[in-house]
Amino acid sequence: MPSQTEKMGMARERITGRSLLYYLFLSLPLFAFFSSIFIGPFHINPVQLVDLMASKILGYATDYPDVYSTVIFQVRLPRLLLGMMVGASLSVSGAAFQGIFRNPLVSPYILGLSSGAAFGAALSLAFLPGVSIQYAAFFFSLLAVALTYFMATTNRSTPIVSLVLAGVIVSAVFDSLLAIIQIAVSERALQSIVFWIMGSLGTASWSKIYSAFPLFALGCTVMLLLRWRLNVLALGDEEARSVGLNPEKYKIIFIVSASLAASSAVAVAGIIGLVGLVVPHMLRMIFGPDHRTLIPLSLTFGASFLIVVDDFARAGLGFEVPVGVITTLVGAPLFAYLLRTTRSGGWE
């Protein structure tokens, strides 16, 4: 039998190890970024990359052909930054929704966000060529969430079960409208709609980053600042009220913040499935359910996870595959495992 002193020493070692792992996960985006920027058919070595970066920042000229600068600053860098932003948005939103719903099987799309976004994008591609696909997808994704929330609210209360059922109804309506559009449009427009729905970072650009970043930053900042309140909400409405927290108020705050972040991601990249489910649950299994830790780690690990998956999607098979297809293939086995091992509706 270990003595009390030995037990305390072992506990300190576990805490130290957990702290080191925590900071390692926080720094993952740096490693993922600098390893991913070299991946692609056009070879650029680290010395050339540093020289090009320095020339861009300091303003001096280099002897490299223009194609080097184009590949780095117009192709790879926007794609990596957009991928990190999308992955972080979906992961943090997924962690927040899982805390609100007290269920690890919840994703950011549970309130009909993805169905609304898909309908908006299809409407723009098929019948509104003058309207930006990004803005149409963003508007209808938020519209779907708003309809779900107001449909589920009765007597100034929004039960979790009502939210889930309202989300199913709203998703079904927008899916049906999307099907009507797909039947009515030309073959070329249909191909564009299907490709958008698959989710891809292949159309990344600086303009998409600039337009999506403010909403991403706003939503994620609110969730980071208020993340400890998710621990109280995860206990249930009665427990939250018993400690002086207004559960309805903070449900609205977190739903709006998470929806803004997830909608900005979906609008610029399409529907990338299961990231918001897989990443928070992986982190919860490693670090536990404390949202003070879970939310910042979801931000960094989600960003790293998506760009690593995108590396494989664009270079692993010799031809580019929409990243949403790969994330679904990765996340589906874990989702099946959760269904088998998690009690119905439980927060285990």
Protein backbone atom coordinates (compact mmCIF):
# COMPACT_ATOMS: atom_id res chain seq x y z
CA MET A 1 0.00 0.00 0.00
CA PRO A 2 1.47 3.40 -0.97
CA SER A 3 1.86 5.87 1.86
CA GLN A 4 0.02 9.19 2.06
CA THR A 5 3.15 11.02 0.92
CA GLU A 6 3.51 8.73 -2.10
CA LYS A 7 -0.15 9.25 -2.97
CA MET A 8 0.31 13.02 -2.85
CA GLY A 9 3.39 12.75 -5.03
CA MET A 10 1.54 10.64 -7.58
CA ALA A 11 -1.33 13.15 -7.60
CA ARG A 12 1.13 16.02 -8.21
CA GLU A 13 2.69 14.09 -11.09
CA ARG A 14 -0.73 13.55 -12.66
CA ILE A 15 -1.56 17.25 -12.32
CA THR A 16 1.79 18.26 -13.82
CA GLY A 17 1.35 15.83 -16.70
CA ARG A 18 -2.16 17.08 -17.36
CA SER A 19 -0.92 20.70 -17.33
CA LEU A 20 1.83 19.92 -19.83
CA LEU A 21 -0.68 18.15 -22.08
CA TYR A 22 -3.03 21.14 -21.77
CA TYR A 23 -0.38 23.59 -22.97
CA LEU A 24 0.69 21.20 -25.72
CA PHE A 25 -2.87 21.14 -27.07
CA LEU A 26 -3.05 24.93 -26.86
CA SER A 27 0.07 25.20 -29.04
CA LEU A 28 -1.06 22.63 -31.64
CA PRO A 29 -2.18 25.25 -34.23
CA LEU A 30 1.41 26.46 -34.58
CA PHE A 31 2.73 22.97 -35.35
CA ALA A 32 -0.19 22.18 -37.66
CA PHE A 33 0.17 25.47 -39.53
CA PHE A 34 3.92 25.27 -40.19
CA SER A 35 3.74 21.63 -41.24
CA SER A 36 0.72 22.15 -43.51
CA ILE A 37 2.04 25.17 -45.39
CA PHE A 38 4.68 22.98 -47.08
CA ILE A 39 2.17 20.38 -48.30
CA GLY A 40 1.18 20.60 -51.95
CA PRO A 41 2.31 19.82 -55.49
CA PHE A 42 4.46 22.96 -55.66
CA HIS A 43 7.59 22.43 -53.55
CA ILE A 44 8.79 25.29 -51.34
CA ASN A 45 11.48 24.68 -48.72
CA PRO A 46 11.61 26.33 -45.26
CA VAL A 47 14.37 28.79 -46.24
CA GLN A 48 12.38 30.03 -49.22
CA LEU A 49 9.25 30.32 -47.09
CA VAL A 50 10.99 32.40 -44.40
CA ASP A 51 12.55 34.63 -47.07
CA LEU A 52 9.19 35.17 -48.78
CA MET A 53 7.46 35.90 -45.47
CA ALA A 54 10.16 38.36 -44.46
CA SER A 55 10.05 40.11 -47.84
CA LYS A 56 6.31 40.53 -47.51
CA ILE A 57 6.59 41.98 -44.00
CA LEU A 58 9.71 44.10 -44.48
CA GLY A 59 9.00 45.11 -48.07
CA TYR A 60 12.24 44.06 -49.77
CA ALA A 61 12.43 42.34 -53.17
CA THR A 62 13.40 38.70 -53.79
CA ASP A 63 14.72 36.79 -56.81
CA TYR A 64 12.00 34.13 -56.69
CA PRO A 65 9.53 33.88 -59.58
CA ASP A 66 6.07 35.38 -58.96
CA VAL A 67 4.55 31.91 -58.76
CA TYR A 68 6.23 31.38 -55.36
CA SER A 69 4.50 34.39 -53.87
CA THR A 70 1.20 33.45 -55.49
CA VAL A 71 1.26 29.89 -54.10
CA ILE A 72 2.07 31.04 -50.56
CA PHE A 73 0.02 34.22 -50.19
CA GLN A 74 -2.92 33.59 -52.51
CA VAL A 75 -3.43 29.81 -52.25
CA ARG A 76 -1.95 28.13 -49.17
CA LEU A 77 -2.04 30.89 -46.57
CA PRO A 78 -5.73 31.83 -47.09
CA ARG A 79 -6.71 28.16 -47.14
CA LEU A 80 -4.87 27.40 -43.91
CA LEU A 81 -6.20 30.44 -42.07
CA LEU A 82 -9.75 29.82 -43.26
CA GLY A 83 -9.49 26.15 -42.30
CA MET A 84 -8.27 27.04 -38.82
CA MET A 85 -11.09 29.55 -38.39
CA VAL A 86 -13.76 27.11 -39.60
CA GLY A 87 -12.45 24.24 -37.48
CA ALA A 88 -12.25 26.43 -34.37
CA SER A 89 -15.76 27.83 -34.95
CA LEU A 90 -17.42 24.45 -35.37
CA SER A 91 -15.56 22.87 -32.44
CA VAL A 92 -16.25 25.66 -29.94
CA SER A 93 -19.89 25.85 -31.06
CA GLY A 94 -20.21 22.09 -30.68
CA ALA A 95 -18.77 22.21 -27.15
CA ALA A 96 -21.18 25.01 -26.20
CA PHE A 97 -24.23 23.22 -27.61
CA GLN A 98 -23.23 19.99 -25.87
CA GLY A 99 -23.06 21.90 -22.59
CA ILE A 100 -26.44 23.55 -23.13
CA PHE A 101 -28.15 20.30 -24.16
CA ARG A 102 -26.20 18.23 -21.60
CA ASN A 103 -25.52 15.59 -24.23
CA PRO A 104 -22.20 14.73 -25.95
CA LEU A 105 -24.04 13.60 -29.10
CA VAL A 106 -25.08 17.16 -30.00
CA SER A 107 -23.51 19.09 -32.90
CA PRO A 108 -23.74 22.78 -33.96
CA TYR A 109 -26.27 21.75 -36.63
CA ILE A 110 -28.91 20.49 -34.19
CA LEU A 111 -31.06 23.63 -34.47
CA GLY A 112 -31.37 23.45 -38.26
CA LEU A 113 -28.38 25.67 -39.05
CA SER A 114 -26.90 23.45 -41.76
CA SER A 115 -30.23 22.86 -43.51
CA GLY A 116 -30.97 26.58 -43.57
CA ALA A 117 -27.49 27.35 -44.90
CA ALA A 118 -27.79 24.69 -47.63
CA PHE A 119 -31.15 26.11 -48.74
CA GLY A 120 -29.75 29.65 -48.82
CA ALA A 121 -26.73 28.60 -50.86
CA ALA A 122 -28.89 26.62 -53.30
CA LEU A 123 -31.31 29.53 -53.67
CA SER A 124 -28.43 31.85 -54.51
CA LEU A 125 -26.83 29.42 -56.97
CA ALA A 126 -30.09 28.58 -58.72
CA PHE A 127 -32.23 31.71 -58.78
CA LEU A 128 -30.33 34.67 -57.29
CA PRO A 129 -27.04 34.98 -59.19
CA GLY A 130 -26.61 38.55 -58.00
CA VAL A 131 -26.70 37.51 -54.34
CA SER A 132 -23.53 36.22 -52.71
CA ILE A 133 -23.67 32.52 -51.82
CA GLN A 134 -21.89 33.29 -48.57
CA TYR A 135 -24.39 35.93 -47.44
CA ALA A 136 -27.41 33.87 -48.50
CA ALA A 137 -26.14 30.82 -46.60
CA PHE A 138 -25.38 32.92 -43.54
CA PHE A 139 -28.79 34.64 -43.53
CA PHE A 140 -30.82 31.44 -43.88
CA SER A 141 -28.70 29.56 -41.34
CA LEU A 142 -29.47 32.18 -38.70
CA LEU A 143 -33.10 32.29 -39.84
CA ALA A 144 -33.38 28.53 -39.26
CA VAL A 145 -31.92 28.85 -35.75
CA ALA A 146 -34.25 31.76 -34.93
CA LEU A 147 -37.30 29.81 -36.15
CA THR A 148 -36.25 26.81 -34.07
CA TYR A 149 -35.81 28.87 -30.92
CA PHE A 150 -39.09 30.78 -31.22
CA MET A 151 -40.98 27.60 -32.09
CA ALA A 152 -39.61 25.88 -28.97
CA THR A 153 -40.23 28.80 -26.57
CA THR A 154 -43.42 28.71 -24.52
CA ASN A 155 -44.28 30.81 -21.47
CA ARG A 156 -40.81 32.38 -21.50
CA SER A 157 -39.24 28.97 -21.14
CA THR A 158 -37.33 26.92 -23.71
CA PRO A 159 -37.18 23.23 -22.73
CA ILE A 160 -34.30 21.26 -24.22
CA VAL A 161 -36.62 18.59 -25.65
CA SER A 162 -38.69 21.27 -27.40
CA LEU A 163 -35.54 22.77 -28.93
CA VAL A 164 -34.47 19.39 -30.30
CA LEU A 165 -37.91 18.66 -31.77
CA ALA A 166 -38.21 22.16 -33.23
CA GLY A 167 -34.76 21.73 -34.79
CA VAL A 168 -35.89 18.49 -36.42
CA ILE A 169 -38.99 20.19 -37.84
CA VAL A 170 -37.12 23.22 -39.18
CA SER A 171 -34.40 21.03 -40.69
CA ALA A 172 -37.04 18.88 -42.43
CA VAL A 173 -38.75 21.96 -43.91
CA PHE A 174 -35.51 23.43 -45.28
CA ASP A 175 -34.37 20.02 -46.55
CA SER A 176 -37.64 19.70 -48.46
CA LEU A 177 -37.26 23.18 -49.95
CA LEU A 178 -33.69 22.28 -50.93
CA ALA A 179 -34.94 19.12 -52.66
CA ILE A 180 -37.44 21.19 -54.69
CA ILE A 181 -34.62 23.50 -55.84
CA GLN A 182 -32.41 20.54 -56.77
CA ILE A 183 -35.20 19.10 -58.90
CA ALA A 184 -35.91 22.41 -60.63
CA VAL A 185 -32.40 23.60 -61.52
CA SER A 186 -30.12 22.77 -64.41
CA GLU A 187 -27.52 20.02 -64.21
CA ARG A 188 -24.67 22.50 -63.90
CA ALA A 189 -26.34 24.37 -61.03
CA LEU A 190 -27.11 21.06 -59.34
CA GLN A 191 -23.44 20.09 -59.44
CA SER A 192 -22.52 23.40 -57.79
CA ILE A 193 -25.12 22.90 -55.06
CA VAL A 194 -23.98 19.35 -54.32
CA PHE A 195 -20.32 20.42 -54.18
CA TRP A 196 -21.14 23.28 -51.80
CA ILE A 197 -23.11 20.97 -49.50
CA MET A 198 -20.13 18.57 -49.29
CA GLY A 199 -18.04 21.27 -47.60
CA SER A 200 -14.69 22.38 -48.98
CA LEU A 201 -11.84 24.81 -48.34
CA GLY A 202 -10.84 24.81 -52.01
CA THR A 203 -12.44 28.23 -52.64
CA ALA A 204 -10.63 29.94 -49.76
CA SER A 205 -9.73 33.58 -50.30
CA TRP A 206 -8.77 36.63 -48.28
CA SER A 207 -12.19 38.17 -48.90
CA LYS A 208 -13.89 35.17 -47.23
CA ILE A 209 -11.57 35.46 -44.25
CA TYR A 210 -12.23 39.20 -43.88
CA SER A 211 -16.00 38.77 -44.09
CA ALA A 212 -16.26 35.81 -41.71
CA PHE A 213 -13.66 36.79 -39.11
CA PRO A 214 -15.68 39.48 -37.22
CA LEU A 215 -18.57 37.10 -36.51
CA PHE A 216 -16.19 34.25 -35.70
CA ALA A 217 -14.28 36.49 -33.28
CA LEU A 218 -17.46 37.84 -31.67
CA GLY A 219 -19.07 34.44 -31.13
CA CYS A 220 -15.93 32.71 -29.88
CA THR A 221 -14.94 35.60 -27.59
CA VAL A 222 -18.33 35.55 -25.84
CA MET A 223 -18.13 31.78 -25.35
CA LEU A 224 -14.58 32.03 -24.00
CA LEU A 225 -15.43 34.80 -21.54
CA LEU A 226 -18.57 33.10 -20.23
CA ARG A 227 -17.39 29.50 -20.48
CA TRP A 228 -17.59 28.81 -16.72
CA ARG A 229 -21.35 29.39 -16.88
CA LEU A 230 -21.67 26.38 -19.16
CA ASN A 231 -20.61 24.24 -16.19
CA VAL A 232 -23.65 25.51 -14.31
CA LEU A 233 -26.02 25.14 -17.29
CA ALA A 234 -24.82 21.56 -17.75
CA LEU A 235 -26.19 20.74 -14.30
CA GLY A 236 -29.77 21.57 -15.35
CA ASP A 237 -32.13 24.52 -15.11
CA GLU A 238 -33.17 23.95 -11.48
CA GLU A 239 -29.56 23.68 -10.29
CA ALA A 240 -28.66 26.83 -12.24
CA ARG A 241 -31.49 28.80 -10.62
CA SER A 242 -30.48 27.52 -7.18
CA VAL A 243 -27.07 29.24 -7.53
CA GLY A 244 -28.57 32.48 -8.87
CA LEU A 245 -27.98 31.93 -12.59
CA ASN A 246 -30.76 32.71 -15.08
CA PRO A 247 -30.68 29.66 -17.39
CA GLU A 248 -32.93 31.16 -20.09
CA LYS A 249 -30.77 34.28 -20.37
CA TYR A 250 -27.54 32.34 -20.76
CA LYS A 251 -29.10 29.79 -23.09
CA ILE A 252 -29.94 32.64 -25.44
CA ILE A 253 -26.45 34.13 -25.12
CA PHE A 254 -24.71 30.84 -25.87
CA ILE A 255 -27.11 29.81 -28.65
CA VAL A 256 -26.68 33.18 -30.38
CA SER A 257 -22.89 33.18 -29.94
CA ALA A 258 -22.46 29.57 -31.06
CA SER A 259 -24.81 30.08 -34.00
CA LEU A 260 -22.94 33.20 -35.15
CA ALA A 261 -19.61 31.36 -35.07
CA ALA A 262 -20.95 28.21 -36.76
CA SER A 263 -22.94 30.17 -39.35
CA SER A 264 -19.90 32.22 -40.34
CA ALA A 265 -17.99 28.94 -40.82
CA VAL A 266 -20.71 27.22 -42.84
CA ALA A 267 -21.24 30.30 -45.02
CA VAL A 268 -17.62 30.32 -46.24
CA ALA A 269 -16.88 26.57 -46.34
CA GLY A 270 -20.16 24.70 -46.76
CA ILE A 271 -21.36 21.94 -44.49
CA ILE A 272 -18.37 20.21 -42.88
CA GLY A 273 -19.84 17.37 -40.88
CA LEU A 274 -19.06 15.97 -37.42
CA VAL A 275 -16.19 18.33 -36.50
CA GLY A 276 -18.38 19.97 -33.86
CA LEU A 277 -19.25 16.53 -32.49
CA VAL A 278 -15.90 14.73 -32.67
CA VAL A 279 -13.48 17.37 -31.38
CA PRO A 280 -15.27 18.38 -28.14
CA HIS A 281 -15.93 14.76 -27.23
CA MET A 282 -12.33 13.72 -27.84
CA LEU A 283 -11.17 16.54 -25.59
CA ARG A 284 -13.79 15.68 -22.97
CA MET A 285 -12.48 12.10 -22.80
CA ILE A 286 -8.92 13.39 -22.25
CA PHE A 287 -9.39 16.48 -20.05
CA GLY A 288 -12.83 16.01 -18.51
CA PRO A 289 -16.07 18.02 -18.80
CA ASP A 290 -14.91 21.32 -17.27
CA HIS A 291 -15.80 23.97 -19.88
CA ARG A 292 -13.18 26.36 -18.51
CA THR A 293 -10.68 23.97 -20.08
CA LEU A 294 -12.83 22.47 -22.81
CA ILE A 295 -13.74 25.69 -24.65
CA PRO A 296 -10.19 27.05 -25.24
CA LEU A 297 -8.94 23.58 -26.15
CA SER A 298 -11.81 23.14 -28.61
CA LEU A 299 -10.69 26.38 -30.23
CA THR A 300 -7.08 25.27 -30.74
CA PHE A 301 -7.55 21.55 -31.34
CA GLY A 302 -10.49 22.17 -33.70
CA ALA A 303 -8.36 24.54 -35.78
CA SER A 304 -5.52 22.00 -35.93
CA PHE A 305 -7.79 19.03 -36.60
CA LEU A 306 -9.47 20.55 -39.65
CA ILE A 307 -6.33 21.73 -41.43
CA VAL A 308 -4.63 18.35 -40.88
CA VAL A 309 -7.70 16.60 -42.31
CA ASP A 310 -7.68 19.09 -45.19
CA ASP A 311 -4.01 18.25 -45.86
CA PHE A 312 -5.07 14.67 -46.46
CA ALA A 313 -8.11 15.76 -48.47
CA ARG A 314 -6.03 17.80 -50.92
CA ALA A 315 -2.84 15.75 -51.08
CA GLY A 316 -3.36 12.31 -49.60
CA LEU A 317 -5.18 10.65 -52.49
CA GLY A 318 -3.53 12.29 -55.49
CA PHE A 319 -6.69 14.30 -56.20
CA GLU A 320 -8.66 16.76 -54.08
CA VAL A 321 -11.64 15.51 -52.08
CA PRO A 322 -14.03 17.93 -50.30
CA VAL A 323 -12.86 18.09 -46.70
CA GLY A 324 -16.42 17.55 -45.45
CA VAL A 325 -16.34 14.05 -46.91
CA ILE A 326 -13.15 13.17 -45.00
CA THR A 327 -14.35 14.63 -41.68
CA THR A 328 -17.51 12.55 -41.97
CA LEU A 329 -15.50 9.40 -42.65
CA VAL A 330 -13.35 10.14 -39.60
CA GLY A 331 -16.22 11.16 -37.33
CA ALA A 332 -18.77 8.50 -38.25
CA PRO A 333 -17.02 5.59 -36.44
CA LEU A 334 -16.68 7.68 -33.28
CA PHE A 335 -20.33 8.74 -33.53
CA ALA A 336 -21.35 5.07 -33.83
CA TYR A 337 -19.24 4.26 -30.78
CA LEU A 338 -20.95 7.03 -28.79
CA LEU A 339 -24.38 5.76 -29.75
CA ARG A 340 -23.42 2.31 -28.46
CA THR A 341 -21.87 3.42 -25.19
CA THR A 342 -23.73 6.60 -24.14
CA ARG A 343 -27.06 6.35 -22.38
CA SER A 344 -29.99 7.92 -24.18
CA GLY A 345 -29.87 11.66 -23.56
CA GLY A 346 -27.36 11.17 -20.77
CA TRP A 347 -24.47 13.38 -19.83
CA GLU A 348 -21.96 10.67 -18.94
